[in-house]
Protein backbone atom coordinates (compact mmCIF):
# COMPACT_ATOMS: atom_id res chain seq x y z
CA MET A 1 170.68 284.34 23.14
CA SER A 2 170.23 284.91 26.86
CA GLY A 3 166.72 284.39 28.03
CA HIS A 4 165.78 281.74 25.63
CA LYS A 5 165.00 278.20 26.63
CA THR A 6 167.89 275.78 26.06
CA TYR A 7 165.79 272.70 25.40
CA ASN A 8 162.39 272.00 23.92
CA ARG A 9 159.93 269.23 25.21
CA SER A 10 161.88 266.50 23.31
CA GLY A 11 165.15 267.22 24.97
CA LEU A 12 166.85 268.50 21.85
CA LEU A 13 168.34 271.96 21.49
CA PRO A 14 166.14 274.39 19.52
CA PHE A 15 167.25 274.97 15.95
CA ARG A 16 167.74 278.69 16.80
CA VAL A 17 170.35 277.89 19.33
CA ILE A 18 172.21 275.64 16.86
CA GLU A 19 171.91 278.27 14.19
CA ALA A 20 173.21 280.97 16.55
CA ALA A 21 176.17 278.67 17.55
CA ALA A 22 177.13 278.02 14.04
CA SER A 23 177.06 281.72 13.47
CA GLY A 24 179.60 282.05 16.35
CA ASP A 25 177.36 283.23 19.13
CA VAL A 26 179.30 282.60 22.26
CA ASP A 27 176.33 282.21 24.40
CA ALA A 28 174.70 279.65 22.12
CA ILE A 29 177.99 277.77 21.77
CA ASN A 30 178.06 277.61 25.51
CA LYS A 31 174.53 276.29 25.53
CA VAL A 32 175.55 273.49 23.09
CA LEU A 33 178.48 272.66 25.26
CA LYS A 34 176.35 272.52 28.36
CA HIS A 35 173.93 270.28 26.59
CA TYR A 36 176.58 267.82 25.86
CA ASP A 37 178.48 268.08 29.02
CA GLY A 38 177.24 264.91 30.52
CA TYR A 39 178.12 262.86 27.41
CA ILE A 40 181.59 264.52 27.22
CA LYS A 41 182.26 263.86 30.93
CA ALA A 42 181.17 260.21 30.37
CA LEU A 43 183.44 259.80 27.42
CA SER A 44 186.35 261.42 29.49
CA THR A 45 185.88 259.14 32.45
CA LYS A 46 188.79 256.80 33.18
CA ARG A 47 189.17 253.85 35.46
CA LEU A 48 192.53 253.58 37.48
CA PHE A 49 193.41 251.42 40.43
CA ASP A 50 194.86 252.40 43.57
CA GLU A 51 197.76 250.61 45.44
CA SER A 52 195.34 248.09 46.91
CA GLY A 53 193.82 247.21 43.59
CA ARG A 54 190.55 248.99 44.06
CA PRO A 55 189.34 250.85 41.11
CA TYR A 56 188.45 254.61 41.08
CA PHE A 57 187.19 256.85 38.40
CA PHE A 58 188.20 260.30 37.42
CA ILE A 59 187.58 262.73 34.48
CA ASP A 60 190.56 263.10 32.27
CA GLU A 61 190.58 266.95 31.99
CA GLU A 62 192.76 266.81 28.84
CA THR A 63 190.29 264.35 27.05
CA ARG A 64 187.43 266.50 28.23
CA ARG A 65 188.93 269.82 26.77
CA THR A 66 189.93 267.87 23.52
CA LEU A 67 186.37 266.76 23.12
CA GLU A 68 184.87 270.21 23.83
CA THR A 69 187.36 271.68 21.38
CA LYS A 70 186.48 269.13 18.72
CA LEU A 71 182.66 269.95 19.32
CA ILE A 72 183.30 273.66 18.93
CA VAL A 73 185.13 273.15 15.69
CA ARG A 74 182.31 271.04 14.20
CA ILE A 75 179.73 273.65 15.46
CA MET A 76 181.69 276.33 13.51
CA GLN A 77 181.76 274.13 10.41
CA PHE A 78 178.09 273.25 10.59
CA ASP A 79 176.09 274.32 7.52
CA VAL A 80 172.74 275.37 8.97
CA THR A 81 171.40 275.82 5.29
CA ARG A 82 171.61 272.16 4.71
CA ALA A 83 169.94 271.26 8.01
CA ALA A 84 166.82 273.59 7.49
């Protein structure tokens, strides 16, 4: 998968990357994870408050890893024959 563009003009992952990821290609799976990285980080962001009551944000690494793991599981279960 190295050398292929990760995105097409619409901002979507090319089908060949999805197909390769569903087949277990580690490089393709990493491209899918990278594609969704911002979304996963946004879902993993938590707001806490310091001693003075001021809010601050941080990425909950456990939540981030859980979401990444769930995405990998779904990638491996994806049936590309139904999507084609």
